[in-house]
ModelCIF file with pLDDT and N, C-alpha, C, O atoms, coordinates in Angstrom:
data_MODEL
#
_entry.id   MODEL 
#
_entity.id                         1 
_entity.type                       polymer 
_entity.pdbx_number_of_molecules   1 
#
_entity_poly.entity_id                      1 
_entity_poly.type                           'polypeptide(L)' 
_entity_poly.nstd_linkage                   no 
_entity_poly.nstd_monomer                   no 
_entity_poly.pdbx_seq_one_letter_code       GGSISRRVEGWRIRLLTLSAQLESVLDFGDEDDVGELSEEFRQDLELL 
_entity_poly.pdbx_seq_one_letter_code_can   GGSISRRVEGWRIRLLTLSAQLESVLDFGDEDDVGELSEEFRQDLELL 
_entity_poly.pdbx_strand_id                 A 
#
loop_
_entity_poly_seq.entity_id 
_entity_poly_seq.num 
_entity_poly_seq.mon_id 
_entity_poly_seq.hetero 
1 1  GLY n 
1 2  GLY n 
1 3  SER n 
1 4  ILE n 
1 5  SER n 
1 6  ARG n 
1 7  ARG n 
1 8  VAL n 
1 9  GLU n 
1 10 GLY n 
1 11 TRP n 
1 12 ARG n 
1 13 ILE n 
1 14 ARG n 
1 15 LEU n 
1 16 LEU n 
1 17 THR n 
1 18 LEU n 
1 19 SER n 
1 20 ALA n 
1 21 GLN n 
1 22 LEU n 
1 23 GLU n 
1 24 SER n 
1 25 VAL n 
1 26 LEU n 
1 27 ASP n 
1 28 PHE n 
1 29 GLY n 
1 30 ASP n 
1 31 GLU n 
1 32 ASP n 
1 33 ASP n 
1 34 VAL n 
1 35 GLY n 
1 36 GLU n 
1 37 LEU n 
1 38 SER n 
1 39 GLU n 
1 40 GLU n 
1 41 PHE n 
1 42 ARG n 
1 43 GLN n 
1 44 ASP n 
1 45 LEU n 
1 46 GLU n 
1 47 LEU n 
1 48 LEU n 
#
_struct_asym.id          A 
_struct_asym.entity_id   1 
#
loop_
_ma_qa_metric.id 
_ma_qa_metric.mode 
_ma_qa_metric.name 
_ma_qa_metric.software_group_id 
_ma_qa_metric.type 
1 global pLDDT . pLDDT 
2 local  pLDDT . pLDDT 
#
_ma_qa_metric_global.metric_id      1 
_ma_qa_metric_global.metric_value   83.04 
_ma_qa_metric_global.model_id       1 
_ma_qa_metric_global.ordinal_id     1 
#
loop_
_ma_qa_metric_local.label_asym_id 
_ma_qa_metric_local.label_comp_id 
_ma_qa_metric_local.label_seq_id 
_ma_qa_metric_local.metric_id 
_ma_qa_metric_local.metric_value 
_ma_qa_metric_local.model_id 
_ma_qa_metric_local.ordinal_id 
A GLY 1  2 91.00 1 1  
A GLY 2  2 91.00 1 2  
A SER 3  2 92.00 1 3  
A ILE 4  2 93.00 1 4  
A SER 5  2 93.00 1 5  
A ARG 6  2 94.00 1 6  
A ARG 7  2 94.00 1 7  
A VAL 8  2 94.00 1 8  
A GLU 9  2 94.00 1 9  
A GLY 10 2 95.00 1 10 
A TRP 11 2 95.00 1 11 
A ARG 12 2 93.00 1 12 
A ILE 13 2 93.00 1 13 
A ARG 14 2 94.00 1 14 
A LEU 15 2 92.00 1 15 
A LEU 16 2 91.00 1 16 
A THR 17 2 91.00 1 17 
A LEU 18 2 91.00 1 18 
A SER 19 2 90.00 1 19 
A ALA 20 2 88.00 1 20 
A GLN 21 2 86.00 1 21 
A LEU 22 2 88.00 1 22 
A GLU 23 2 84.00 1 23 
A SER 24 2 81.00 1 24 
A VAL 25 2 80.00 1 25 
A LEU 26 2 81.00 1 26 
A ASP 27 2 73.00 1 27 
A PHE 28 2 65.00 1 28 
A GLY 29 2 58.00 1 29 
A ASP 30 2 56.00 1 30 
A GLU 31 2 52.00 1 31 
A ASP 32 2 49.00 1 32 
A ASP 33 2 47.00 1 33 
A VAL 34 2 44.00 1 34 
A GLY 35 2 51.00 1 35 
A GLU 36 2 68.00 1 36 
A LEU 37 2 73.00 1 37 
A SER 38 2 78.00 1 38 
A GLU 39 2 83.00 1 39 
A GLU 40 2 89.00 1 40 
A PHE 41 2 91.00 1 41 
A ARG 42 2 90.00 1 42 
A GLN 43 2 94.00 1 43 
A ASP 44 2 94.00 1 44 
A LEU 45 2 95.00 1 45 
A GLU 46 2 95.00 1 46 
A LEU 47 2 96.00 1 47 
A LEU 48 2 96.00 1 48 
#
loop_
_atom_site.group_PDB 
_atom_site.id 
_atom_site.type_symbol 
_atom_site.label_atom_id 
_atom_site.label_alt_id 
_atom_site.label_comp_id 
_atom_site.label_asym_id 
_atom_site.label_entity_id 
_atom_site.label_seq_id 
_atom_site.pdbx_PDB_ins_code 
_atom_site.Cartn_x 
_atom_site.Cartn_y 
_atom_site.Cartn_z 
_atom_site.occupancy 
_atom_site.B_iso_or_equiv 
_atom_site.pdbx_formal_charge 
_atom_site.auth_seq_id 
_atom_site.auth_comp_id 
_atom_site.auth_asym_id 
_atom_site.auth_atom_id 
_atom_site.pdbx_PDB_model_num 
ATOM 1   N N  . GLY A 1 1  ? 5.099  15.625 23.252  1.00 91.00 ? 1  GLY A N  1 
ATOM 2   C CA . GLY A 1 1  ? 6.378  16.303 23.060  1.00 91.00 ? 1  GLY A CA 1 
ATOM 3   C C  . GLY A 1 1  ? 6.868  16.305 21.626  1.00 91.00 ? 1  GLY A C  1 
ATOM 4   O O  . GLY A 1 1  ? 7.935  16.846 21.337  1.00 91.00 ? 1  GLY A O  1 
ATOM 5   N N  . GLY A 1 2  ? 6.098  15.702 20.717  1.00 91.00 ? 2  GLY A N  1 
ATOM 6   C CA . GLY A 1 2  ? 6.446  15.780 19.304  1.00 91.00 ? 2  GLY A CA 1 
ATOM 7   C C  . GLY A 1 2  ? 7.147  14.563 18.737  1.00 91.00 ? 2  GLY A C  1 
ATOM 8   O O  . GLY A 1 2  ? 7.690  14.632 17.634  1.00 91.00 ? 2  GLY A O  1 
ATOM 9   N N  . SER A 1 3  ? 7.152  13.434 19.466  1.00 92.00 ? 3  SER A N  1 
ATOM 10  C CA . SER A 1 3  ? 7.843  12.243 18.967  1.00 92.00 ? 3  SER A CA 1 
ATOM 11  C C  . SER A 1 3  ? 7.265  11.766 17.639  1.00 92.00 ? 3  SER A C  1 
ATOM 12  O O  . SER A 1 3  ? 8.009  11.500 16.695  1.00 92.00 ? 3  SER A O  1 
ATOM 13  N N  . ILE A 1 4  ? 5.942  11.658 17.566  1.00 93.00 ? 4  ILE A N  1 
ATOM 14  C CA . ILE A 1 4  ? 5.306  11.232 16.314  1.00 93.00 ? 4  ILE A CA 1 
ATOM 15  C C  . ILE A 1 4  ? 5.515  12.278 15.231  1.00 93.00 ? 4  ILE A C  1 
ATOM 16  O O  . ILE A 1 4  ? 5.807  11.939 14.084  1.00 93.00 ? 4  ILE A O  1 
ATOM 17  N N  . SER A 1 5  ? 5.369  13.538 15.588  1.00 93.00 ? 5  SER A N  1 
ATOM 18  C CA . SER A 1 5  ? 5.495  14.622 14.609  1.00 93.00 ? 5  SER A CA 1 
ATOM 19  C C  . SER A 1 5  ? 6.884  14.628 13.965  1.00 93.00 ? 5  SER A C  1 
ATOM 20  O O  . SER A 1 5  ? 7.007  14.799 12.752  1.00 93.00 ? 5  SER A O  1 
ATOM 21  N N  . ARG A 1 6  ? 7.919  14.443 14.770  1.00 94.00 ? 6  ARG A N  1 
ATOM 22  C CA . ARG A 1 6  ? 9.285  14.437 14.228  1.00 94.00 ? 6  ARG A CA 1 
ATOM 23  C C  . ARG A 1 6  ? 9.485  13.237 13.298  1.00 94.00 ? 6  ARG A C  1 
ATOM 24  O O  . ARG A 1 6  ? 10.164 13.340 12.276  1.00 94.00 ? 6  ARG A O  1 
ATOM 25  N N  . ARG A 1 7  ? 8.890  12.107 13.664  1.00 94.00 ? 7  ARG A N  1 
ATOM 26  C CA . ARG A 1 7  ? 9.024  10.921 12.821  1.00 94.00 ? 7  ARG A CA 1 
ATOM 27  C C  . ARG A 1 7  ? 8.336  11.141 11.476  1.00 94.00 ? 7  ARG A C  1 
ATOM 28  O O  . ARG A 1 7  ? 8.880  10.805 10.424  1.00 94.00 ? 7  ARG A O  1 
ATOM 29  N N  . VAL A 1 8  ? 7.133  11.710 11.527  1.00 94.00 ? 8  VAL A N  1 
ATOM 30  C CA . VAL A 1 8  ? 6.389  11.974 10.296  1.00 94.00 ? 8  VAL A CA 1 
ATOM 31  C C  . VAL A 1 8  ? 7.118  12.997 9.438   1.00 94.00 ? 8  VAL A C  1 
ATOM 32  O O  . VAL A 1 8  ? 7.162  12.865 8.215   1.00 94.00 ? 8  VAL A O  1 
ATOM 33  N N  . GLU A 1 9  ? 7.683  14.004 10.063  1.00 94.00 ? 9  GLU A N  1 
ATOM 34  C CA . GLU A 1 9  ? 8.419  15.016 9.310   1.00 94.00 ? 9  GLU A CA 1 
ATOM 35  C C  . GLU A 1 9  ? 9.622  14.401 8.603   1.00 94.00 ? 9  GLU A C  1 
ATOM 36  O O  . GLU A 1 9  ? 9.951  14.785 7.480   1.00 94.00 ? 9  GLU A O  1 
ATOM 37  N N  . GLY A 1 10 ? 10.279 13.446 9.262   1.00 95.00 ? 10 GLY A N  1 
ATOM 38  C CA . GLY A 1 10 ? 11.390 12.748 8.613   1.00 95.00 ? 10 GLY A CA 1 
ATOM 39  C C  . GLY A 1 10 ? 10.930 11.989 7.385   1.00 95.00 ? 10 GLY A C  1 
ATOM 40  O O  . GLY A 1 10 ? 11.586 12.026 6.343   1.00 95.00 ? 10 GLY A O  1 
ATOM 41  N N  . TRP A 1 11 ? 9.795  11.295 7.503   1.00 95.00 ? 11 TRP A N  1 
ATOM 42  C CA . TRP A 1 11 ? 9.232  10.592 6.343   1.00 95.00 ? 11 TRP A CA 1 
ATOM 43  C C  . TRP A 1 11 ? 8.880  11.578 5.239   1.00 95.00 ? 11 TRP A C  1 
ATOM 44  O O  . TRP A 1 11 ? 9.117  11.314 4.060   1.00 95.00 ? 11 TRP A O  1 
ATOM 45  N N  . ARG A 1 12 ? 8.317  12.710 5.625   1.00 93.00 ? 12 ARG A N  1 
ATOM 46  C CA . ARG A 1 12 ? 7.868  13.705 4.648   1.00 93.00 ? 12 ARG A CA 1 
ATOM 47  C C  . ARG A 1 12 ? 9.052  14.303 3.880   1.00 93.00 ? 12 ARG A C  1 
ATOM 48  O O  . ARG A 1 12 ? 8.968  14.510 2.669   1.00 93.00 ? 12 ARG A O  1 
ATOM 49  N N  . ILE A 1 13 ? 10.145 14.576 4.581   1.00 93.00 ? 13 ILE A N  1 
ATOM 50  C CA . ILE A 1 13 ? 11.335 15.134 3.930   1.00 93.00 ? 13 ILE A CA 1 
ATOM 51  C C  . ILE A 1 13 ? 11.896 14.129 2.924   1.00 93.00 ? 13 ILE A C  1 
ATOM 52  O O  . ILE A 1 13 ? 12.288 14.506 1.820   1.00 93.00 ? 13 ILE A O  1 
ATOM 53  N N  . ARG A 1 14 ? 11.934 12.858 3.303   1.00 94.00 ? 14 ARG A N  1 
ATOM 54  C CA . ARG A 1 14 ? 12.418 11.826 2.378   1.00 94.00 ? 14 ARG A CA 1 
ATOM 55  C C  . ARG A 1 14 ? 11.516 11.751 1.150   1.00 94.00 ? 14 ARG A C  1 
ATOM 56  O O  . ARG A 1 14 ? 11.995 11.567 0.031   1.00 94.00 ? 14 ARG A O  1 
ATOM 57  N N  . LEU A 1 15 ? 10.224 11.892 1.362   1.00 92.00 ? 15 LEU A N  1 
ATOM 58  C CA . LEU A 1 15 ? 9.279  11.843 0.258   1.00 92.00 ? 15 LEU A CA 1 
ATOM 59  C C  . LEU A 1 15 ? 9.422  13.060 -0.650  1.00 92.00 ? 15 LEU A C  1 
ATOM 60  O O  . LEU A 1 15 ? 9.320  12.943 -1.871  1.00 92.00 ? 15 LEU A O  1 
ATOM 61  N N  . LEU A 1 16 ? 9.656  14.218 -0.057  1.00 91.00 ? 16 LEU A N  1 
ATOM 62  C CA . LEU A 1 16 ? 9.863  15.429 -0.856  1.00 91.00 ? 16 LEU A CA 1 
ATOM 63  C C  . LEU A 1 16 ? 11.122 15.310 -1.717  1.00 91.00 ? 16 LEU A C  1 
ATOM 64  O O  . LEU A 1 16 ? 11.142 15.761 -2.862  1.00 91.00 ? 16 LEU A O  1 
ATOM 65  N N  . THR A 1 17 ? 12.159 14.707 -1.166  1.00 91.00 ? 17 THR A N  1 
ATOM 66  C CA . THR A 1 17 ? 13.394 14.501 -1.937  1.00 91.00 ? 17 THR A CA 1 
ATOM 67  C C  . THR A 1 17 ? 13.139 13.603 -3.132  1.00 91.00 ? 17 THR A C  1 
ATOM 68  O O  . THR A 1 17 ? 13.621 13.871 -4.233  1.00 91.00 ? 17 THR A O  1 
ATOM 69  N N  . LEU A 1 18 ? 12.376 12.531 -2.916  1.00 91.00 ? 18 LEU A N  1 
ATOM 70  C CA . LEU A 1 18 ? 12.043 11.623 -4.013  1.00 91.00 ? 18 LEU A CA 1 
ATOM 71  C C  . LEU A 1 18 ? 11.177 12.329 -5.054  1.00 91.00 ? 18 LEU A C  1 
ATOM 72  O O  . LEU A 1 18 ? 11.369 12.152 -6.257  1.00 91.00 ? 18 LEU A O  1 
ATOM 73  N N  . SER A 1 19 ? 10.224 13.129 -4.579  1.00 90.00 ? 19 SER A N  1 
ATOM 74  C CA . SER A 1 19 ? 9.360  13.862 -5.509  1.00 90.00 ? 19 SER A CA 1 
ATOM 75  C C  . SER A 1 19 ? 10.165 14.848 -6.349  1.00 90.00 ? 19 SER A C  1 
ATOM 76  O O  . SER A 1 19 ? 9.893  15.024 -7.537  1.00 90.00 ? 19 SER A O  1 
ATOM 77  N N  . ALA A 1 20 ? 11.159 15.491 -5.731  1.00 88.00 ? 20 ALA A N  1 
ATOM 78  C CA . ALA A 1 20 ? 11.997 16.446 -6.465  1.00 88.00 ? 20 ALA A CA 1 
ATOM 79  C C  . ALA A 1 20 ? 12.785 15.734 -7.563  1.00 88.00 ? 20 ALA A C  1 
ATOM 80  O O  . ALA A 1 20 ? 12.909 16.248 -8.674  1.00 88.00 ? 20 ALA A O  1 
ATOM 81  N N  . GLN A 1 21 ? 13.322 14.542 -7.250  1.00 86.00 ? 21 GLN A N  1 
ATOM 82  C CA . GLN A 1 21 ? 14.036 13.768 -8.271  1.00 86.00 ? 21 GLN A CA 1 
ATOM 83  C C  . GLN A 1 21 ? 13.115 13.414 -9.430  1.00 86.00 ? 21 GLN A C  1 
ATOM 84  O O  . GLN A 1 21 ? 13.493 13.510 -10.597 1.00 86.00 ? 21 GLN A O  1 
ATOM 85  N N  . LEU A 1 22 ? 11.900 13.003 -9.083  1.00 88.00 ? 22 LEU A N  1 
ATOM 86  C CA . LEU A 1 22 ? 10.951 12.606 -10.125 1.00 88.00 ? 22 LEU A CA 1 
ATOM 87  C C  . LEU A 1 22 ? 10.525 13.795 -10.979 1.00 88.00 ? 22 LEU A C  1 
ATOM 88  O O  . LEU A 1 22 ? 10.428 13.676 -12.201 1.00 88.00 ? 22 LEU A O  1 
ATOM 89  N N  . GLU A 1 23 ? 10.274 14.925 -10.356 1.00 84.00 ? 23 GLU A N  1 
ATOM 90  C CA . GLU A 1 23 ? 9.842  16.105 -11.093 1.00 84.00 ? 23 GLU A CA 1 
ATOM 91  C C  . GLU A 1 23 ? 10.932 16.605 -12.048 1.00 84.00 ? 23 GLU A C  1 
ATOM 92  O O  . GLU A 1 23 ? 10.646 17.093 -13.141 1.00 84.00 ? 23 GLU A O  1 
ATOM 93  N N  . SER A 1 24 ? 12.185 16.470 -11.607 1.00 81.00 ? 24 SER A N  1 
ATOM 94  C CA . SER A 1 24 ? 13.276 16.908 -12.481 1.00 81.00 ? 24 SER A CA 1 
ATOM 95  C C  . SER A 1 24 ? 13.338 16.062 -13.747 1.00 81.00 ? 24 SER A C  1 
ATOM 96  O O  . SER A 1 24 ? 13.640 16.572 -14.826 1.00 81.00 ? 24 SER A O  1 
ATOM 97  N N  . VAL A 1 25 ? 13.051 14.761 -13.614 1.00 80.00 ? 25 VAL A N  1 
ATOM 98  C CA . VAL A 1 25 ? 13.040 13.900 -14.796 1.00 80.00 ? 25 VAL A CA 1 
ATOM 99  C C  . VAL A 1 25 ? 11.852 14.235 -15.691 1.00 80.00 ? 25 VAL A C  1 
ATOM 100 O O  . VAL A 1 25 ? 11.969 14.254 -16.916 1.00 80.00 ? 25 VAL A O  1 
ATOM 101 N N  . LEU A 1 26 ? 10.701 14.499 -15.062 1.00 81.00 ? 26 LEU A N  1 
ATOM 102 C CA . LEU A 1 26 ? 9.515  14.844 -15.850 1.00 81.00 ? 26 LEU A CA 1 
ATOM 103 C C  . LEU A 1 26 ? 9.682  16.164 -16.593 1.00 81.00 ? 26 LEU A C  1 
ATOM 104 O O  . LEU A 1 26 ? 9.248  16.300 -17.737 1.00 81.00 ? 26 LEU A O  1 
ATOM 105 N N  . ASP A 1 27 ? 10.318 17.143 -15.929 1.00 73.00 ? 27 ASP A N  1 
ATOM 106 C CA . ASP A 1 27 ? 10.433 18.482 -16.523 1.00 73.00 ? 27 ASP A CA 1 
ATOM 107 C C  . ASP A 1 27 ? 11.612 18.636 -17.465 1.00 73.00 ? 27 ASP A C  1 
ATOM 108 O O  . ASP A 1 27 ? 11.534 19.362 -18.456 1.00 73.00 ? 27 ASP A O  1 
ATOM 109 N N  . PHE A 1 28 ? 12.716 17.943 -17.151 1.00 65.00 ? 28 PHE A N  1 
ATOM 110 C CA . PHE A 1 28 ? 13.946 18.189 -17.920 1.00 65.00 ? 28 PHE A CA 1 
ATOM 111 C C  . PHE A 1 28 ? 14.582 16.893 -18.422 1.00 65.00 ? 28 PHE A C  1 
ATOM 112 O O  . PHE A 1 28 ? 15.786 16.839 -18.672 1.00 65.00 ? 28 PHE A O  1 
ATOM 113 N N  . GLY A 1 29 ? 13.758 15.850 -18.567 1.00 58.00 ? 29 GLY A N  1 
ATOM 114 C CA . GLY A 1 29 ? 14.300 14.552 -18.966 1.00 58.00 ? 29 GLY A CA 1 
ATOM 115 C C  . GLY A 1 29 ? 14.944 14.537 -20.335 1.00 58.00 ? 29 GLY A C  1 
ATOM 116 O O  . GLY A 1 29 ? 15.753 13.655 -20.625 1.00 58.00 ? 29 GLY A O  1 
ATOM 117 N N  . ASP A 1 30 ? 14.602 15.497 -21.187 1.00 56.00 ? 30 ASP A N  1 
ATOM 118 C CA . ASP A 1 30 ? 15.163 15.538 -22.530 1.00 56.00 ? 30 ASP A CA 1 
ATOM 119 C C  . ASP A 1 30 ? 16.472 16.301 -22.612 1.00 56.00 ? 30 ASP A C  1 
ATOM 120 O O  . ASP A 1 30 ? 17.069 16.410 -23.683 1.00 56.00 ? 30 ASP A O  1 
ATOM 121 N N  . GLU A 1 31 ? 16.928 16.842 -21.452 1.00 52.00 ? 31 GLU A N  1 
ATOM 122 C CA . GLU A 1 31 ? 18.194 17.576 -21.451 1.00 52.00 ? 31 GLU A CA 1 
ATOM 123 C C  . GLU A 1 31 ? 19.342 16.647 -21.090 1.00 52.00 ? 31 GLU A C  1 
ATOM 124 O O  . GLU A 1 31 ? 19.142 15.595 -20.482 1.00 52.00 ? 31 GLU A O  1 
ATOM 125 N N  . ASP A 1 32 ? 20.551 17.053 -21.476 1.00 49.00 ? 32 ASP A N  1 
ATOM 126 C CA . ASP A 1 32 ? 21.703 16.163 -21.334 1.00 49.00 ? 32 ASP A CA 1 
ATOM 127 C C  . ASP A 1 32 ? 22.062 15.890 -19.880 1.00 49.00 ? 32 ASP A C  1 
ATOM 128 O O  . ASP A 1 32 ? 22.497 14.789 -19.542 1.00 49.00 ? 32 ASP A O  1 
ATOM 129 N N  . ASP A 1 33 ? 21.879 16.908 -19.002 1.00 47.00 ? 33 ASP A N  1 
ATOM 130 C CA . ASP A 1 33 ? 22.353 16.755 -17.630 1.00 47.00 ? 33 ASP A CA 1 
ATOM 131 C C  . ASP A 1 33 ? 21.310 16.078 -16.728 1.00 47.00 ? 33 ASP A C  1 
ATOM 132 O O  . ASP A 1 33 ? 21.571 15.886 -15.540 1.00 47.00 ? 33 ASP A O  1 
ATOM 133 N N  . VAL A 1 34 ? 20.142 15.715 -17.259 1.00 44.00 ? 34 VAL A N  1 
ATOM 134 C CA . VAL A 1 34 ? 19.117 15.038 -16.476 1.00 44.00 ? 34 VAL A CA 1 
ATOM 135 C C  . VAL A 1 34 ? 18.716 13.760 -17.197 1.00 44.00 ? 34 VAL A C  1 
ATOM 136 O O  . VAL A 1 34 ? 18.182 13.810 -18.306 1.00 44.00 ? 34 VAL A O  1 
ATOM 137 N N  . GLY A 1 35 ? 18.969 12.620 -16.576 1.00 51.00 ? 35 GLY A N  1 
ATOM 138 C CA . GLY A 1 35 ? 18.637 11.345 -17.201 1.00 51.00 ? 35 GLY A CA 1 
ATOM 139 C C  . GLY A 1 35 ? 17.368 10.749 -16.628 1.00 51.00 ? 35 GLY A C  1 
ATOM 140 O O  . GLY A 1 35 ? 16.510 11.464 -16.110 1.00 51.00 ? 35 GLY A O  1 
ATOM 141 N N  . GLU A 1 36 ? 17.254 9.438  -16.725 1.00 68.00 ? 36 GLU A N  1 
ATOM 142 C CA . GLU A 1 36 ? 16.102 8.733  -16.183 1.00 68.00 ? 36 GLU A CA 1 
ATOM 143 C C  . GLU A 1 36 ? 16.266 8.558  -14.671 1.00 68.00 ? 36 GLU A C  1 
ATOM 144 O O  . GLU A 1 36 ? 17.313 8.851  -14.095 1.00 68.00 ? 36 GLU A O  1 
ATOM 145 N N  . LEU A 1 37 ? 15.194 8.072  -14.060 1.00 73.00 ? 37 LEU A N  1 
ATOM 146 C CA . LEU A 1 37 ? 15.245 7.822  -12.613 1.00 73.00 ? 37 LEU A CA 1 
ATOM 147 C C  . LEU A 1 37 ? 16.326 6.793  -12.290 1.00 73.00 ? 37 LEU A C  1 
ATOM 148 O O  . LEU A 1 37 ? 16.443 5.770  -12.965 1.00 73.00 ? 37 LEU A O  1 
ATOM 149 N N  . SER A 1 38 ? 17.103 7.070  -11.267 1.00 78.00 ? 38 SER A N  1 
ATOM 150 C CA . SER A 1 38 ? 18.179 6.159  -10.884 1.00 78.00 ? 38 SER A CA 1 
ATOM 151 C C  . SER A 1 38 ? 17.625 4.974  -10.108 1.00 78.00 ? 38 SER A C  1 
ATOM 152 O O  . SER A 1 38 ? 16.494 5.002  -9.622  1.00 78.00 ? 38 SER A O  1 
ATOM 153 N N  . GLU A 1 39 ? 18.429 3.949  -10.003 1.00 83.00 ? 39 GLU A N  1 
ATOM 154 C CA . GLU A 1 39 ? 18.037 2.779  -9.220  1.00 83.00 ? 39 GLU A CA 1 
ATOM 155 C C  . GLU A 1 39 ? 17.909 3.136  -7.749  1.00 83.00 ? 39 GLU A C  1 
ATOM 156 O O  . GLU A 1 39 ? 17.142 2.512  -7.016  1.00 83.00 ? 39 GLU A O  1 
ATOM 157 N N  . GLU A 1 40 ? 18.664 4.146  -7.315  1.00 89.00 ? 40 GLU A N  1 
ATOM 158 C CA . GLU A 1 40 ? 18.582 4.582  -5.920  1.00 89.00 ? 40 GLU A CA 1 
ATOM 159 C C  . GLU A 1 40 ? 17.200 5.134  -5.589  1.00 89.00 ? 40 GLU A C  1 
ATOM 160 O O  . GLU A 1 40 ? 16.748 5.025  -4.449  1.00 89.00 ? 40 GLU A O  1 
ATOM 161 N N  . PHE A 1 41 ? 16.523 5.727  -6.577  1.00 91.00 ? 41 PHE A N  1 
ATOM 162 C CA . PHE A 1 41 ? 15.178 6.240  -6.356  1.00 91.00 ? 41 PHE A CA 1 
ATOM 163 C C  . PHE A 1 41 ? 14.269 5.112  -5.901  1.00 91.00 ? 41 PHE A C  1 
ATOM 164 O O  . PHE A 1 41 ? 13.560 5.253  -4.904  1.00 91.00 ? 41 PHE A O  1 
ATOM 165 N N  . ARG A 1 42 ? 14.278 3.994  -6.617  1.00 90.00 ? 42 ARG A N  1 
ATOM 166 C CA . ARG A 1 42 ? 13.440 2.851  -6.259  1.00 90.00 ? 42 ARG A CA 1 
ATOM 167 C C  . ARG A 1 42 ? 13.844 2.271  -4.909  1.00 90.00 ? 42 ARG A C  1 
ATOM 168 O O  . ARG A 1 42 ? 12.992 1.885  -4.110  1.00 90.00 ? 42 ARG A O  1 
ATOM 169 N N  . GLN A 1 43 ? 15.140 2.214  -4.664  1.00 94.00 ? 43 GLN A N  1 
ATOM 170 C CA . GLN A 1 43 ? 15.624 1.669  -3.392  1.00 94.00 ? 43 GLN A CA 1 
ATOM 171 C C  . GLN A 1 43 ? 15.201 2.546  -2.214  1.00 94.00 ? 43 GLN A C  1 
ATOM 172 O O  . GLN A 1 43 ? 14.765 2.041  -1.180  1.00 94.00 ? 43 GLN A O  1 
ATOM 173 N N  . ASP A 1 44 ? 15.331 3.855  -2.380  1.00 94.00 ? 44 ASP A N  1 
ATOM 174 C CA . ASP A 1 44 ? 14.943 4.774  -1.303  1.00 94.00 ? 44 ASP A CA 1 
ATOM 175 C C  . ASP A 1 44 ? 13.439 4.719  -1.049  1.00 94.00 ? 44 ASP A C  1 
ATOM 176 O O  . ASP A 1 44 ? 12.995 4.789  0.097   1.00 94.00 ? 44 ASP A O  1 
ATOM 177 N N  . LEU A 1 45 ? 12.662 4.594  -2.115  1.00 95.00 ? 45 LEU A N  1 
ATOM 178 C CA . LEU A 1 45 ? 11.215 4.507  -1.960  1.00 95.00 ? 45 LEU A CA 1 
ATOM 179 C C  . LEU A 1 45 ? 10.828 3.205  -1.260  1.00 95.00 ? 45 LEU A C  1 
ATOM 180 O O  . LEU A 1 45 ? 9.904  3.182  -0.448  1.00 95.00 ? 45 LEU A O  1 
ATOM 181 N N  . GLU A 1 46 ? 11.533 2.134  -1.577  1.00 95.00 ? 46 GLU A N  1 
ATOM 182 C CA . GLU A 1 46 ? 11.270 0.847  -0.921  1.00 95.00 ? 46 GLU A CA 1 
ATOM 183 C C  . GLU A 1 46 ? 11.626 0.909  0.564   1.00 95.00 ? 46 GLU A C  1 
ATOM 184 O O  . GLU A 1 46 ? 10.908 0.360  1.401   1.00 95.00 ? 46 GLU A O  1 
ATOM 185 N N  . LEU A 1 47 ? 12.742 1.581  0.892   1.00 96.00 ? 47 LEU A N  1 
ATOM 186 C CA . LEU A 1 47 ? 13.134 1.729  2.296   1.00 96.00 ? 47 LEU A CA 1 
ATOM 187 C C  . LEU A 1 47 ? 12.111 2.551  3.075   1.00 96.00 ? 47 LEU A C  1 
ATOM 188 O O  . LEU A 1 47 ? 11.821 2.256  4.235   1.00 96.00 ? 47 LEU A O  1 
ATOM 189 N N  . LEU A 1 48 ? 11.570 3.580  2.433   1.00 96.00 ? 48 LEU A N  1 
ATOM 190 C CA . LEU A 1 48 ? 10.544 4.389  3.083   1.00 96.00 ? 48 LEU A CA 1 
ATOM 191 C C  . LEU A 1 48 ? 9.304  3.544  3.364   1.00 96.00 ? 48 LEU A C  1 
ATOM 192 O O  . LEU A 1 48 ? 8.324  4.050  3.911   1.00 96.00 ? 48 LEU A O  1 
#
């Protein structure tokens, strides 16, 4: 019925969010409105 699939999709969405944060720092880290990775990034990755 998709129990495992829904769980994996939840993990995947969280991972995509983290990847988006990281890519923004890699691509635009030298701009004023984008700084370094936040402490929340590490915390969210640890929770995952």
